[in-house]
Amino acid sequence: MPPVLDGLNQLAVLGACFIAGALGGFFFSGWSRDSLDLLDYLQHYFQLAGQGNGIEPSLWSSIWDLVRWPLAALLLGASTFGAVGIPALLAVRGFLLAYSTAIFARLFGLPGMAASLAAFGITALVAVPVLFVVSVDAFHQSLGRLSGERPPAWSQRAQALSPCAGLLILAVALQQTLMPALLTAVCARLFIS
């Protein structure tokens, strides 16, 4: 018996979960009260970053930051639990991205939006689509297991997902090179008086 949802419908379900999570993160950020400690901490960090003294992510930190989400989707797809876990994973990812961005915007206005774009935007443009590609494949595998389908050989899946590995390498390279330079430039322009 084939899975109930085809590839496009699976993508639509996962996209709706991501968007619902993002909306939740946006609205939740508005409900939290302003923290003076967070404001002072971020203001100090942005000033340091603008002077070229910001903390740059280590290589292993960048790799883990970008690989953990697709890896979690891949592992969830190996079981029937992925039918629920993968949509929840995408909702959490959407929530966290939107919450962080909305907090920056709420605390700092337009300069905060620019800082969040510099900090999260470049790598998210590459990493989030990779997450969706891996998640749709894993979601398909999980739904197939629910309906009793035999999963395809790992070599077929690895071949289909191999471009994602290249894109994750690109995302790590961007996070190591372009993101710190862009964040420094944005902070120097907007947060140093």
Protein backbone atom coordinates (compact mmCIF):
# COMPACT_ATOMS: atom_id res chain seq x y z
CA MET A 1 0.00 0.00 0.00
CA PRO A 2 1.61 3.35 -1.04
CA PRO A 3 1.95 6.21 1.44
CA VAL A 4 -1.08 8.45 1.74
CA LEU A 5 0.85 11.59 0.77
CA ASP A 6 2.92 12.06 -2.38
CA GLY A 7 6.17 14.06 -2.42
CA LEU A 8 4.59 17.44 -3.08
CA ASN A 9 1.98 16.97 -0.35
CA GLN A 10 4.69 15.82 2.05
CA LEU A 11 6.64 18.99 1.28
CA ALA A 12 3.48 21.05 1.85
CA VAL A 13 2.87 19.41 5.24
CA LEU A 14 6.46 19.99 6.33
CA GLY A 15 6.41 23.56 5.00
CA ALA A 16 3.20 24.27 6.91
CA CYS A 17 4.82 22.94 10.10
CA PHE A 18 7.89 25.12 9.56
CA ILE A 19 5.72 28.20 8.92
CA ALA A 20 3.54 27.44 11.95
CA GLY A 21 6.67 27.17 14.08
CA ALA A 22 8.03 30.43 12.63
CA LEU A 23 4.76 32.22 13.36
CA GLY A 24 4.82 30.80 16.88
CA GLY A 25 8.38 32.06 17.37
CA PHE A 26 7.44 35.49 16.08
CA PHE A 27 4.39 35.81 18.33
CA PHE A 28 6.11 34.27 21.36
CA SER A 29 8.91 36.82 21.08
CA GLY A 30 6.31 39.57 21.43
CA TRP A 31 4.90 38.05 24.60
CA SER A 32 8.21 37.86 26.40
CA ARG A 33 9.12 40.93 28.36
CA ASP A 34 12.18 43.00 27.52
CA SER A 35 15.21 41.82 29.42
CA LEU A 36 17.67 44.57 30.21
CA ASP A 37 20.37 41.97 30.77
CA LEU A 38 19.83 40.53 27.28
CA LEU A 39 19.72 44.01 25.77
CA ASP A 40 22.98 45.00 27.49
CA TYR A 41 24.66 41.70 26.55
CA LEU A 42 23.70 41.94 22.88
CA GLN A 43 24.56 45.65 22.71
CA HIS A 44 28.01 44.89 24.14
CA TYR A 45 28.48 41.93 21.78
CA PHE A 46 27.44 43.94 18.72
CA GLN A 47 29.85 46.72 19.68
CA LEU A 48 32.67 44.19 20.10
CA ALA A 49 31.77 42.59 16.79
CA GLY A 50 31.76 45.99 15.12
CA GLN A 51 35.30 46.56 16.38
CA GLY A 52 36.36 43.17 14.98
CA ASN A 53 36.51 41.53 18.41
CA GLY A 54 33.38 39.37 18.16
CA ILE A 55 33.48 35.70 18.96
CA GLU A 56 33.72 33.73 15.74
CA PRO A 57 32.33 30.21 15.67
CA SER A 58 34.80 27.34 15.69
CA LEU A 59 34.81 24.98 12.74
CA TRP A 60 33.33 22.12 14.78
CA SER A 61 30.67 24.41 16.22
CA SER A 62 29.64 25.49 12.71
CA ILE A 63 29.55 21.92 11.47
CA TRP A 64 27.38 20.79 14.40
CA ASP A 65 25.11 23.84 14.09
CA LEU A 66 24.38 23.12 10.44
CA VAL A 67 24.42 19.31 10.37
CA ARG A 68 22.38 18.54 13.48
CA TRP A 69 18.99 19.41 11.96
CA PRO A 70 19.28 17.30 8.77
CA LEU A 71 20.94 14.52 10.80
CA ALA A 72 18.01 14.50 13.23
CA ALA A 73 15.57 14.31 10.31
CA LEU A 74 17.55 11.46 8.76
CA LEU A 75 17.56 9.51 12.04
CA LEU A 76 13.85 10.14 12.62
CA GLY A 77 13.13 8.87 9.10
CA ALA A 78 14.60 5.51 10.04
CA SER A 79 11.57 4.78 12.21
CA THR A 80 7.82 5.19 12.13
CA PHE A 81 8.20 7.87 14.82
CA GLY A 82 9.43 10.16 12.05
CA ALA A 83 5.85 10.54 10.81
CA VAL A 84 5.29 12.79 13.83
CA GLY A 85 8.87 13.68 14.76
CA ILE A 86 9.94 15.21 11.44
CA PRO A 87 7.06 17.72 11.26
CA ALA A 88 7.77 18.60 14.91
CA LEU A 89 11.47 19.03 14.10
CA LEU A 90 10.69 21.48 11.31
CA ALA A 91 8.27 23.39 13.53
CA VAL A 92 10.99 23.74 16.19
CA ARG A 93 13.53 24.90 13.60
CA GLY A 94 11.10 27.51 12.27
CA PHE A 95 10.29 28.62 15.81
CA LEU A 96 13.92 29.10 16.80
CA LEU A 97 14.88 31.01 13.66
CA ALA A 98 11.88 33.34 13.88
CA TYR A 99 12.17 33.84 17.64
CA SER A 100 15.85 34.84 17.42
CA THR A 101 15.25 37.19 14.52
CA ALA A 102 12.19 38.75 16.14
CA ILE A 103 14.01 39.31 19.45
CA PHE A 104 16.83 41.13 17.63
CA ALA A 105 14.28 43.24 15.76
CA ARG A 106 12.23 43.98 18.87
CA LEU A 107 15.24 45.00 20.94
CA PHE A 108 17.11 47.00 18.28
CA GLY A 109 14.66 47.79 15.48
CA LEU A 110 16.08 47.97 11.97
CA PRO A 111 19.71 47.54 13.12
CA GLY A 112 18.61 44.34 14.89
CA MET A 113 17.04 43.08 11.66
CA ALA A 114 20.29 43.73 9.83
CA ALA A 115 22.29 41.98 12.55
CA SER A 116 19.99 38.95 12.49
CA LEU A 117 20.26 38.76 8.71
CA ALA A 118 24.05 38.87 8.99
CA ALA A 119 24.12 36.31 11.81
CA PHE A 120 21.50 33.84 10.56
CA GLY A 121 20.48 34.73 7.03
CA ILE A 122 23.40 33.68 4.86
CA THR A 123 23.71 30.17 6.23
CA ALA A 124 19.94 29.77 6.58
CA LEU A 125 19.57 30.43 2.85
CA VAL A 126 21.59 27.26 2.25
CA ALA A 127 20.92 25.14 5.34
CA VAL A 128 17.12 25.43 5.53
CA PRO A 129 16.54 24.17 1.95
CA VAL A 130 18.90 21.27 2.70
CA LEU A 131 16.86 20.54 5.82
CA PHE A 132 13.70 20.44 3.71
CA VAL A 133 15.21 18.09 1.10
CA VAL A 134 16.48 15.68 3.75
CA SER A 135 13.25 15.98 5.75
CA VAL A 136 10.99 15.21 2.79
CA ASP A 137 13.06 12.11 2.00
CA ALA A 138 13.06 11.00 5.65
CA PHE A 139 9.34 11.77 6.03
CA HIS A 140 8.64 9.67 2.94
CA GLN A 141 10.67 6.80 4.40
CA SER A 142 8.88 7.04 7.72
CA LEU A 143 5.41 7.11 6.12
CA GLY A 144 6.44 4.17 3.96
CA ARG A 145 7.40 2.19 7.05
CA LEU A 146 3.98 2.97 8.53
CA SER A 147 2.26 1.51 5.47
CA GLY A 148 4.54 -1.54 5.35
CA GLU A 149 6.70 -0.48 2.39
CA ARG A 150 10.21 -1.78 2.17
CA PRO A 151 12.60 1.20 2.21
CA PRO A 152 14.92 1.69 -0.77
CA ALA A 153 18.56 0.69 -0.47
CA TRP A 154 20.73 3.12 1.43
CA SER A 155 22.97 3.55 -1.63
CA GLN A 156 20.03 4.94 -3.63
CA ARG A 157 19.15 7.41 -0.89
CA ALA A 158 22.79 8.43 -0.38
CA GLN A 159 23.13 9.12 -4.09
CA ALA A 160 19.96 11.23 -4.10
CA LEU A 161 20.99 13.17 -0.97
CA SER A 162 24.69 13.65 -1.83
CA PRO A 163 24.16 17.20 -3.21
CA CYS A 164 22.93 18.13 0.27
CA ALA A 165 26.34 17.23 1.70
CA GLY A 166 27.99 19.63 -0.74
CA LEU A 167 25.55 22.38 0.18
CA LEU A 168 26.21 21.83 3.89
CA ILE A 169 29.94 22.15 3.22
CA LEU A 170 29.17 25.43 1.43
CA ALA A 171 27.07 26.58 4.40
CA VAL A 172 29.91 25.79 6.82
CA ALA A 173 32.35 27.69 4.61
CA LEU A 174 29.97 30.68 4.51
CA GLN A 175 29.50 30.56 8.28
CA GLN A 176 33.27 30.50 8.78
CA THR A 177 34.16 33.23 6.28
CA LEU A 178 31.32 35.46 5.07
CA MET A 179 29.12 35.53 8.18
CA PRO A 180 31.77 36.93 10.58
CA ALA A 181 32.87 39.55 8.05
CA LEU A 182 29.29 40.56 7.29
CA LEU A 183 28.35 40.70 10.98
CA THR A 184 31.42 42.84 11.71
CA ALA A 185 30.53 45.24 8.89
CA VAL A 186 26.88 45.51 9.96
CA CYS A 187 27.77 46.02 13.62
CA ALA A 188 30.47 48.59 12.81
CA ARG A 189 27.98 50.58 10.76
CA LEU A 190 24.94 50.32 13.07
CA PHE A 191 26.11 49.73 16.65
CA ILE A 192 29.28 51.77 17.06
CA SER A 193 28.64 55.37 17.92
